Protein backbone atom coordinates (compact mmCIF):
# COMPACT_ATOMS: atom_id res chain seq x y z
CA UNK A 1 0.00 0.00 0.00
CA UNK A 2 1.48 3.33 -1.00
CA UNK A 3 1.20 6.54 1.00
CA UNK A 4 -1.72 7.87 -1.03
CA UNK A 5 -3.71 4.67 -0.55
CA UNK A 6 -2.95 4.75 3.18
CA UNK A 7 -4.13 8.37 3.46
CA UNK A 8 -7.36 7.55 1.63
CA UNK A 9 -7.98 4.51 3.81
CA UNK A 10 -7.27 6.50 6.99
CA UNK A 11 -9.69 9.24 5.92
CA UNK A 12 -12.42 6.72 5.07
CA UNK A 13 -12.07 4.84 8.35
CA UNK A 14 -11.95 8.08 10.33
CA UNK A 15 -15.06 9.38 8.62
CA UNK A 16 -16.98 6.17 9.28
CA UNK A 17 -15.99 6.26 12.96
CA UNK A 18 -17.01 9.92 13.24
CA UNK A 19 -20.35 9.22 11.51
CA UNK A 20 -21.10 6.32 13.86
CA UNK A 21 -20.13 8.39 16.90
CA UNK A 22 -22.31 11.29 15.82
CA UNK A 23 -25.23 8.95 15.05
CA UNK A 24 -25.12 7.87 18.70
CA UNK A 25 -24.93 11.48 19.83
CA UNK A 26 -21.57 10.95 21.52
CA UNK A 27 -18.89 13.58 21.90
CA UNK A 28 -15.26 12.84 21.12
CA UNK A 29 -14.55 13.09 24.85
CA UNK A 30 -17.23 10.54 25.74
CA UNK A 31 -16.06 8.01 23.16
CA UNK A 32 -12.43 8.56 24.16
CA UNK A 33 -13.39 7.87 27.79
CA UNK A 34 -15.21 4.68 26.77
CA UNK A 35 -12.09 3.55 24.92
CA UNK A 36 -9.63 4.77 27.56
CA UNK A 37 -7.73 6.79 24.95
CA UNK A 38 -6.94 10.47 24.67
CA UNK A 39 -9.27 12.86 22.88
CA UNK A 40 -6.28 13.90 20.78
CA UNK A 41 -5.70 10.35 19.55
CA UNK A 42 -9.37 9.88 18.68
CA UNK A 43 -9.41 13.24 16.89
CA UNK A 44 -6.40 12.13 14.82
CA UNK A 45 -8.18 8.89 13.94
CA UNK A 46 -11.38 10.68 12.93
CA UNK A 47 -9.33 13.21 10.99
CA UNK A 48 -7.63 10.47 8.99
CA UNK A 49 -4.17 11.08 10.41
CA UNK A 50 -3.75 7.58 11.81
CA UNK A 51 -5.31 4.14 11.38
CA UNK A 52 -6.09 2.12 14.52
CA UNK A 53 -4.85 -1.45 14.68
CA UNK A 54 -7.34 -4.30 14.31
CA UNK A 55 -7.77 -4.82 18.06
CA UNK A 56 -8.53 -1.14 18.55
CA UNK A 57 -10.96 -1.11 15.59
CA UNK A 58 -12.91 -3.95 17.23
CA UNK A 59 -12.96 -2.00 20.52
CA UNK A 60 -14.13 1.17 18.76
CA UNK A 61 -16.94 -0.71 17.03
CA UNK A 62 -18.06 -2.24 20.33
CA UNK A 63 -18.03 1.17 22.02
CA UNK A 64 -20.11 2.53 19.13
CA UNK A 65 -22.49 -0.45 19.35
CA UNK A 66 -21.96 -1.37 15.68
CA UNK A 67 -20.49 -4.28 13.77
CA UNK A 68 -16.80 -3.77 13.02
CA UNK A 69 -17.62 -3.82 9.30
CA UNK A 70 -19.62 -0.59 9.76
CA UNK A 71 -16.44 1.36 10.50
CA UNK A 72 -14.47 -0.12 7.62
CA UNK A 73 -14.76 0.95 3.97
CA UNK A 74 -16.41 -1.51 1.61
CA UNK A 75 -13.06 -2.06 -0.05
CA UNK A 76 -9.52 -0.89 0.39
CA UNK A 77 -8.37 1.80 -2.07
CA UNK A 78 -5.38 -0.40 -2.98
CA UNK A 79 -7.81 -3.04 -4.27
CA UNK A 80 -9.27 -0.83 -7.00
PDB file of N, CA and C in Angstrom:
ATOM      1  N   UNK A   1       0.858  -1.170   0.000  1.00  0.00           N
ATOM      2  CA  UNK A   1       0.000   0.000   0.000  1.00  0.00           C
ATOM      3  C   UNK A   1       0.901   1.229   0.000  1.00  0.00           C
ATOM      4  N   UNK A   2       0.670   2.116  -0.953  1.00  0.00           N
ATOM      5  CA  UNK A   2       1.479   3.330  -1.000  1.00  0.00           C
ATOM      6  C   UNK A   2       0.898   4.396  -0.062  1.00  0.00           C
ATOM      7  N   UNK A   3       1.616   5.492   0.074  1.00  0.00           N
ATOM      8  CA  UNK A   3       1.196   6.543   1.004  1.00  0.00           C
ATOM      9  C   UNK A   3      -0.160   7.135   0.656  1.00  0.00           C
ATOM     10  N   UNK A   4      -0.432   7.304  -0.616  1.00  0.00           N
ATOM     11  CA  UNK A   4      -1.716   7.867  -1.032  1.00  0.00           C
ATOM     12  C   UNK A   4      -2.857   6.935  -0.658  1.00  0.00           C
ATOM     13  N   UNK A   5      -2.693   5.646  -0.915  1.00  0.00           N
ATOM     14  CA  UNK A   5      -3.713   4.666  -0.546  1.00  0.00           C
ATOM     15  C   UNK A   5      -3.938   4.655   0.961  1.00  0.00           C
ATOM     16  N   UNK A   6      -2.848   4.743   1.715  1.00  0.00           N
ATOM     17  CA  UNK A   6      -2.948   4.747   3.176  1.00  0.00           C
ATOM     18  C   UNK A   6      -3.699   5.981   3.665  1.00  0.00           C
ATOM     19  N   UNK A   7      -3.436   7.126   3.073  1.00  0.00           N
ATOM     20  CA  UNK A   7      -4.127   8.366   3.462  1.00  0.00           C
ATOM     21  C   UNK A   7      -5.620   8.271   3.154  1.00  0.00           C
ATOM     22  N   UNK A   8      -5.946   7.718   1.998  1.00  0.00           N
ATOM     23  CA  UNK A   8      -7.355   7.555   1.627  1.00  0.00           C
ATOM     24  C   UNK A   8      -8.051   6.606   2.597  1.00  0.00           C
ATOM     25  N   UNK A   9      -7.418   5.486   2.886  1.00  0.00           N
ATOM     26  CA  UNK A   9      -7.982   4.513   3.813  1.00  0.00           C
ATOM     27  C   UNK A   9      -8.174   5.128   5.198  1.00  0.00           C
ATOM     28  N   UNK A  10      -7.181   5.851   5.682  1.00  0.00           N
ATOM     29  CA  UNK A  10      -7.271   6.497   6.995  1.00  0.00           C
ATOM     30  C   UNK A  10      -8.436   7.484   7.033  1.00  0.00           C
ATOM     31  N   UNK A  11      -8.598   8.265   5.973  1.00  0.00           N
ATOM     32  CA  UNK A  11      -9.687   9.240   5.916  1.00  0.00           C
ATOM     33  C   UNK A  11     -11.045   8.548   5.891  1.00  0.00           C
ATOM     34  N   UNK A  12     -11.151   7.452   5.140  1.00  0.00           N
ATOM     35  CA  UNK A  12     -12.418   6.722   5.067  1.00  0.00           C
ATOM     36  C   UNK A  12     -12.781   6.097   6.410  1.00  0.00           C
ATOM     37  N   UNK A  13     -11.821   5.449   7.042  1.00  0.00           N
ATOM     38  CA  UNK A  13     -12.074   4.843   8.353  1.00  0.00           C
ATOM     39  C   UNK A  13     -12.434   5.922   9.372  1.00  0.00           C
ATOM     40  N   UNK A  14     -11.674   6.986   9.389  1.00  0.00           N
ATOM     41  CA  UNK A  14     -11.949   8.076  10.332  1.00  0.00           C
ATOM     42  C   UNK A  14     -13.334   8.656  10.145  1.00  0.00           C
ATOM     43  N   UNK A  15     -13.732   8.835   8.892  1.00  0.00           N
ATOM     44  CA  UNK A  15     -15.061   9.377   8.621  1.00  0.00           C
ATOM     45  C   UNK A  15     -16.170   8.442   9.064  1.00  0.00           C
ATOM     46  N   UNK A  16     -15.980   7.149   8.857  1.00  0.00           N
ATOM     47  CA  UNK A  16     -16.983   6.169   9.284  1.00  0.00           C
ATOM     48  C   UNK A  16     -17.095   6.120  10.805  1.00  0.00           C
ATOM     49  N   UNK A  17     -15.970   6.227  11.489  1.00  0.00           N
ATOM     50  CA  UNK A  17     -15.990   6.258  12.956  1.00  0.00           C
ATOM     51  C   UNK A  17     -16.710   7.515  13.439  1.00  0.00           C
ATOM     52  N   UNK A  18     -16.365   8.660  12.861  1.00  0.00           N
ATOM     53  CA  UNK A  18     -17.013   9.917  13.243  1.00  0.00           C
ATOM     54  C   UNK A  18     -18.522   9.847  12.992  1.00  0.00           C
ATOM     55  N   UNK A  19     -18.922   9.326  11.825  1.00  0.00           N
ATOM     56  CA  UNK A  19     -20.346   9.225  11.513  1.00  0.00           C
ATOM     57  C   UNK A  19     -21.073   8.349  12.525  1.00  0.00           C
ATOM     58  N   UNK A  20     -20.484   7.225  12.886  1.00  0.00           N
ATOM     59  CA  UNK A  20     -21.105   6.322  13.858  1.00  0.00           C
ATOM     60  C   UNK A  20     -21.184   6.975  15.239  1.00  0.00           C
ATOM     61  N   UNK A  21     -20.133   7.693  15.606  1.00  0.00           N
ATOM     62  CA  UNK A  21     -20.130   8.387  16.901  1.00  0.00           C
ATOM     63  C   UNK A  21     -21.229   9.443  16.937  1.00  0.00           C
ATOM     64  N   UNK A  22     -21.309  10.233  15.874  1.00  0.00           N
ATOM     65  CA  UNK A  22     -22.314  11.286  15.825  1.00  0.00           C
ATOM     66  C   UNK A  22     -23.724  10.714  15.776  1.00  0.00           C
ATOM     67  N   UNK A  23     -23.913   9.580  15.110  1.00  0.00           N
ATOM     68  CA  UNK A  23     -25.231   8.946  15.048  1.00  0.00           C
ATOM     69  C   UNK A  23     -25.714   8.534  16.439  1.00  0.00           C
ATOM     70  N   UNK A  24     -24.772   8.214  17.319  1.00  0.00           N
ATOM     71  CA  UNK A  24     -25.121   7.869  18.701  1.00  0.00           C
ATOM     72  C   UNK A  24     -25.260   9.099  19.583  1.00  0.00           C
ATOM     73  N   UNK A  25     -24.869  10.249  19.047  1.00  0.00           N
ATOM     74  CA  UNK A  25     -24.931  11.478  19.829  1.00  0.00           C
ATOM     75  C   UNK A  25     -23.817  11.593  20.855  1.00  0.00           C
ATOM     76  N   UNK A  26     -22.696  10.910  20.595  1.00  0.00           N
ATOM     77  CA  UNK A  26     -21.566  10.945  21.524  1.00  0.00           C
ATOM     78  C   UNK A  26     -20.579  12.038  21.142  1.00  0.00           C
ATOM     79  N   UNK A  27     -19.981  12.634  22.137  1.00  0.00           N
ATOM     80  CA  UNK A  27     -18.893  13.575  21.896  1.00  0.00           C
ATOM     81  C   UNK A  27     -17.590  12.799  21.744  1.00  0.00           C
ATOM     82  N   UNK A  28     -16.587  13.461  21.206  1.00  0.00           N
ATOM     83  CA  UNK A  28     -15.260  12.843  21.115  1.00  0.00           C
ATOM     84  C   UNK A  28     -14.794  12.462  22.515  1.00  0.00           C
ATOM     85  N   UNK A  29     -15.003  13.345  23.468  1.00  0.00           N
ATOM     86  CA  UNK A  29     -14.552  13.092  24.846  1.00  0.00           C
ATOM     87  C   UNK A  29     -15.225  11.848  25.433  1.00  0.00           C
ATOM     88  N   UNK A  30     -16.512  11.689  25.196  1.00  0.00           N
ATOM     89  CA  UNK A  30     -17.235  10.536  25.738  1.00  0.00           C
ATOM     90  C   UNK A  30     -16.728   9.237  25.126  1.00  0.00           C
ATOM     91  N   UNK A  31     -16.571   9.224  23.798  1.00  0.00           N
ATOM     92  CA  UNK A  31     -16.061   8.009  23.164  1.00  0.00           C
ATOM     93  C   UNK A  31     -14.630   7.726  23.607  1.00  0.00           C
ATOM     94  N   UNK A  32     -13.810   8.753  23.700  1.00  0.00           N
ATOM     95  CA  UNK A  32     -12.434   8.564  24.162  1.00  0.00           C
ATOM     96  C   UNK A  32     -12.418   7.957  25.567  1.00  0.00           C
ATOM     97  N   UNK A  33     -13.306   8.431  26.433  1.00  0.00           N
ATOM     98  CA  UNK A  33     -13.391   7.865  27.789  1.00  0.00           C
ATOM     99  C   UNK A  33     -13.807   6.399  27.747  1.00  0.00           C
ATOM    100  N   UNK A  34     -14.771   6.071  26.898  1.00  0.00           N
ATOM    101  CA  UNK A  34     -15.206   4.676  26.772  1.00  0.00           C
ATOM    102  C   UNK A  34     -14.071   3.773  26.316  1.00  0.00           C
ATOM    103  N   UNK A  35     -13.199   4.328  25.481  1.00  0.00           N
ATOM    104  CA  UNK A  35     -12.092   3.549  24.919  1.00  0.00           C
ATOM    105  C   UNK A  35     -10.819   3.636  25.749  1.00  0.00           C
ATOM    106  N   UNK A  36     -10.819   4.522  26.745  1.00  0.00           N
ATOM    107  CA  UNK A  36      -9.631   4.774  27.561  1.00  0.00           C
ATOM    108  C   UNK A  36      -8.457   5.222  26.687  1.00  0.00           C
ATOM    109  N   UNK A  37      -8.748   6.169  25.793  1.00  0.00           N
ATOM    110  CA  UNK A  37      -7.726   6.786  24.945  1.00  0.00           C
ATOM    111  C   UNK A  37      -7.854   8.299  25.087  1.00  0.00           C
ATOM    112  N   UNK A  38      -6.870   9.016  24.594  1.00  0.00           N
ATOM    113  CA  UNK A  38      -6.940  10.474  24.668  1.00  0.00           C
ATOM    114  C   UNK A  38      -7.873  11.029  23.595  1.00  0.00           C
ATOM    115  N   UNK A  39      -8.447  12.189  23.880  1.00  0.00           N
ATOM    116  CA  UNK A  39      -9.273  12.860  22.878  1.00  0.00           C
ATOM    117  C   UNK A  39      -8.438  13.201  21.658  1.00  0.00           C
ATOM    118  N   UNK A  40      -7.172  13.546  21.889  1.00  0.00           N
ATOM    119  CA  UNK A  40      -6.283  13.902  20.779  1.00  0.00           C
ATOM    120  C   UNK A  40      -6.087  12.718  19.839  1.00  0.00           C
ATOM    121  N   UNK A  41      -5.888  11.533  20.392  1.00  0.00           N
ATOM    122  CA  UNK A  41      -5.705  10.349  19.546  1.00  0.00           C
ATOM    123  C   UNK A  41      -6.963  10.090  18.727  1.00  0.00           C
ATOM    124  N   UNK A  42      -8.116  10.135  19.377  1.00  0.00           N
ATOM    125  CA  UNK A  42      -9.370   9.879  18.677  1.00  0.00           C
ATOM    126  C   UNK A  42      -9.615  10.939  17.606  1.00  0.00           C
ATOM    127  N   UNK A  43      -9.282  12.174  17.885  1.00  0.00           N
ATOM    128  CA  UNK A  43      -9.415  13.242  16.890  1.00  0.00           C
ATOM    129  C   UNK A  43      -8.516  12.972  15.692  1.00  0.00           C
ATOM    130  N   UNK A  44      -7.306  12.477  15.931  1.00  0.00           N
ATOM    131  CA  UNK A  44      -6.398  12.133  14.824  1.00  0.00           C
ATOM    132  C   UNK A  44      -6.956  10.977  14.003  1.00  0.00           C
ATOM    133  N   UNK A  45      -7.569  10.011  14.670  1.00  0.00           N
ATOM    134  CA  UNK A  45      -8.183   8.887  13.945  1.00  0.00           C
ATOM    135  C   UNK A  45      -9.326   9.408  13.076  1.00  0.00           C
ATOM    136  N   UNK A  46     -10.227  10.169  13.670  1.00  0.00           N
ATOM    137  CA  UNK A  46     -11.377  10.678  12.927  1.00  0.00           C
ATOM    138  C   UNK A  46     -10.949  11.624  11.804  1.00  0.00           C
ATOM    139  N   UNK A  47      -9.836  12.300  12.000  1.00  0.00           N
ATOM    140  CA  UNK A  47      -9.327  13.210  10.989  1.00  0.00           C
ATOM    141  C   UNK A  47      -8.510  12.535   9.904  1.00  0.00           C
ATOM    142  N   UNK A  48      -8.353  11.221  10.006  1.00  0.00           N
ATOM    143  CA  UNK A  48      -7.633  10.473   8.988  1.00  0.00           C
ATOM    144  C   UNK A  48      -6.124  10.586   9.073  1.00  0.00           C
ATOM    145  N   UNK A  49      -5.616  10.964  10.232  1.00  0.00           N
ATOM    146  CA  UNK A  49      -4.167  11.084  10.407  1.00  0.00           C
ATOM    147  C   UNK A  49      -3.506   9.771  10.811  1.00  0.00           C
ATOM    148  N   UNK A  50      -4.292   8.861  11.372  1.00  0.00           N
ATOM    149  CA  UNK A  50      -3.755   7.577  11.814  1.00  0.00           C
ATOM    150  C   UNK A  50      -4.827   6.506  11.667  1.00  0.00           C
ATOM    151  N   UNK A  51      -4.392   5.269  11.496  1.00  0.00           N
ATOM    152  CA  UNK A  51      -5.309   4.136  11.383  1.00  0.00           C
ATOM    153  C   UNK A  51      -5.130   3.251  12.615  1.00  0.00           C
ATOM    154  N   UNK A  52      -6.204   3.007  13.355  1.00  0.00           N
ATOM    155  CA  UNK A  52      -6.093   2.119  14.518  1.00  0.00           C
ATOM    156  C   UNK A  52      -5.762   0.693  14.092  1.00  0.00           C
ATOM    157  N   UNK A  53      -5.107  -0.040  14.984  1.00  0.00           N
ATOM    158  CA  UNK A  53      -4.848  -1.451  14.677  1.00  0.00           C
ATOM    159  C   UNK A  53      -6.151  -2.236  14.782  1.00  0.00           C
ATOM    160  N   UNK A  54      -6.121  -3.485  14.379  1.00  0.00           N
ATOM    161  CA  UNK A  54      -7.336  -4.298  14.312  1.00  0.00           C
ATOM    162  C   UNK A  54      -7.990  -4.433  15.687  1.00  0.00           C
ATOM    163  N   UNK A  55      -7.205  -4.689  16.706  1.00  0.00           N
ATOM    164  CA  UNK A  55      -7.770  -4.824  18.062  1.00  0.00           C
ATOM    165  C   UNK A  55      -8.512  -3.565  18.453  1.00  0.00           C
ATOM    166  N   UNK A  56      -7.920  -2.414  18.189  1.00  0.00           N
ATOM    167  CA  UNK A  56      -8.530  -1.141  18.554  1.00  0.00           C
ATOM    168  C   UNK A  56      -9.784  -0.876  17.701  1.00  0.00           C
ATOM    169  N   UNK A  57      -9.768  -1.272  16.423  1.00  0.00           N
ATOM    170  CA  UNK A  57     -10.961  -1.108  15.590  1.00  0.00           C
ATOM    171  C   UNK A  57     -12.134  -1.906  16.153  1.00  0.00           C
ATOM    172  N   UNK A  58     -11.856  -3.116  16.622  1.00  0.00           N
ATOM    173  CA  UNK A  58     -12.907  -3.946  17.233  1.00  0.00           C
ATOM    174  C   UNK A  58     -13.433  -3.264  18.498  1.00  0.00           C
ATOM    175  N   UNK A  59     -12.549  -2.705  19.302  1.00  0.00           N
ATOM    176  CA  UNK A  59     -12.959  -1.999  20.522  1.00  0.00           C
ATOM    177  C   UNK A  59     -13.794  -0.759  20.191  1.00  0.00           C
ATOM    178  N   UNK A  60     -13.385  -0.027  19.162  1.00  0.00           N
ATOM    179  CA  UNK A  60     -14.128   1.168  18.756  1.00  0.00           C
ATOM    180  C   UNK A  60     -15.535   0.777  18.317  1.00  0.00           C
ATOM    181  N   UNK A  61     -15.628  -0.251  17.493  1.00  0.00           N
ATOM    182  CA  UNK A  61     -16.942  -0.706  17.030  1.00  0.00           C
ATOM    183  C   UNK A  61     -17.829  -1.104  18.211  1.00  0.00           C
ATOM    184  N   UNK A  62     -17.276  -1.822  19.159  1.00  0.00           N
ATOM    185  CA  UNK A  62     -18.055  -2.237  20.330  1.00  0.00           C
ATOM    186  C   UNK A  62     -18.539  -1.020  21.117  1.00  0.00           C
ATOM    187  N   UNK A  63     -17.659  -0.040  21.289  1.00  0.00           N
ATOM    188  CA  UNK A  63     -18.029   1.169  22.025  1.00  0.00           C
ATOM    189  C   UNK A  63     -19.103   1.960  21.282  1.00  0.00           C
ATOM    190  N   UNK A  64     -19.115   1.840  19.953  1.00  0.00           N
ATOM    191  CA  UNK A  64     -20.112   2.530  19.134  1.00  0.00           C
ATOM    192  C   UNK A  64     -21.355   1.676  18.891  1.00  0.00           C
ATOM    193  N   UNK A  65     -21.352   0.455  19.447  1.00  0.00           N
ATOM    194  CA  UNK A  65     -22.488  -0.447  19.349  1.00  0.00           C
ATOM    195  C   UNK A  65     -22.835  -0.786  17.900  1.00  0.00           C
ATOM    196  N   UNK A  66     -21.783  -0.987  17.081  1.00  0.00           N
ATOM    197  CA  UNK A  66     -21.964  -1.371  15.677  1.00  0.00           C
ATOM    198  C   UNK A  66     -21.059  -2.553  15.363  1.00  0.00           C
ATOM    199  N   UNK A  67     -21.372  -3.236  14.272  1.00  0.00           N
ATOM    200  CA  UNK A  67     -20.486  -4.284  13.771  1.00  0.00           C
ATOM    201  C   UNK A  67     -19.192  -3.629  13.303  1.00  0.00           C
ATOM    202  N   UNK A  68     -18.091  -4.314  13.452  1.00  0.00           N
ATOM    203  CA  UNK A  68     -16.802  -3.769  13.020  1.00  0.00           C
ATOM    204  C   UNK A  68     -16.832  -3.370  11.551  1.00  0.00           C
ATOM    205  N   UNK A  69     -17.537  -4.124  10.735  1.00  0.00           N
ATOM    206  CA  UNK A  69     -17.620  -3.817   9.302  1.00  0.00           C
ATOM    207  C   UNK A  69     -18.206  -2.439   9.034  1.00  0.00           C
ATOM    208  N   UNK A  70     -18.998  -1.911   9.948  1.00  0.00           N
ATOM    209  CA  UNK A  70     -19.623  -0.593   9.762  1.00  0.00           C
ATOM    210  C   UNK A  70     -18.619   0.551   9.836  1.00  0.00           C
ATOM    211  N   UNK A  71     -17.445   0.294  10.419  1.00  0.00           N
ATOM    212  CA  UNK A  71     -16.438   1.358  10.503  1.00  0.00           C
ATOM    213  C   UNK A  71     -15.257   1.093   9.576  1.00  0.00           C
ATOM    214  N   UNK A  72     -15.482   0.180   8.636  1.00  0.00           N
ATOM    215  CA  UNK A  72     -14.473  -0.117   7.621  1.00  0.00           C
ATOM    216  C   UNK A  72     -15.065   0.170   6.251  1.00  0.00           C
ATOM    217  N   UNK A  73     -14.249   0.718   5.332  1.00  0.00           N
ATOM    218  CA  UNK A  73     -14.757   0.951   3.972  1.00  0.00           C
ATOM    219  C   UNK A  73     -15.115  -0.376   3.308  1.00  0.00           C
ATOM    220  N   UNK A  74     -15.996  -0.309   2.324  1.00  0.00           N
ATOM    221  CA  UNK A  74     -16.411  -1.508   1.607  1.00  0.00           C
ATOM    222  C   UNK A  74     -15.244  -2.232   0.969  1.00  0.00           C
ATOM    223  N   UNK A  75     -14.260  -1.455   0.525  1.00  0.00           N
ATOM    224  CA  UNK A  75     -13.058  -2.062  -0.048  1.00  0.00           C
ATOM    225  C   UNK A  75     -11.897  -1.116   0.141  1.00  0.00           C
ATOM    226  N   UNK A  76     -10.739  -1.676   0.224  1.00  0.00           N
ATOM    227  CA  UNK A  76      -9.517  -0.890   0.389  1.00  0.00           C
ATOM    228  C   UNK A  76      -9.196  -0.174  -0.917  1.00  0.00           C
ATOM    229  N   UNK A  77      -8.705   1.080  -0.838  1.00  0.00           N
ATOM    230  CA  UNK A  77      -8.370   1.796  -2.070  1.00  0.00           C
ATOM    231  C   UNK A  77      -7.284   1.088  -2.881  1.00  0.00           C
ATOM    232  N   UNK A  78      -6.450   0.284  -2.240  1.00  0.00           N
ATOM    233  CA  UNK A  78      -5.382  -0.401  -2.980  1.00  0.00           C
ATOM    234  C   UNK A  78      -5.932  -1.592  -3.764  1.00  0.00           C
ATOM    235  N   UNK A  79      -7.208  -1.910  -3.578  1.00  0.00           N
ATOM    236  CA  UNK A  79      -7.807  -3.037  -4.272  1.00  0.00           C
ATOM    237  C   UNK A  79      -8.603  -2.595  -5.490  1.00  0.00           C
ATOM    238  N   UNK A  80      -8.510  -1.324  -5.837  1.00  0.00           N
ATOM    239  CA  UNK A  80      -9.272  -0.825  -6.996  1.00  0.00           C
ATOM    240  C   UNK A  80      -8.521  -1.075  -8.283  1.00  0.00           C
TER     241      UNK A  80
END
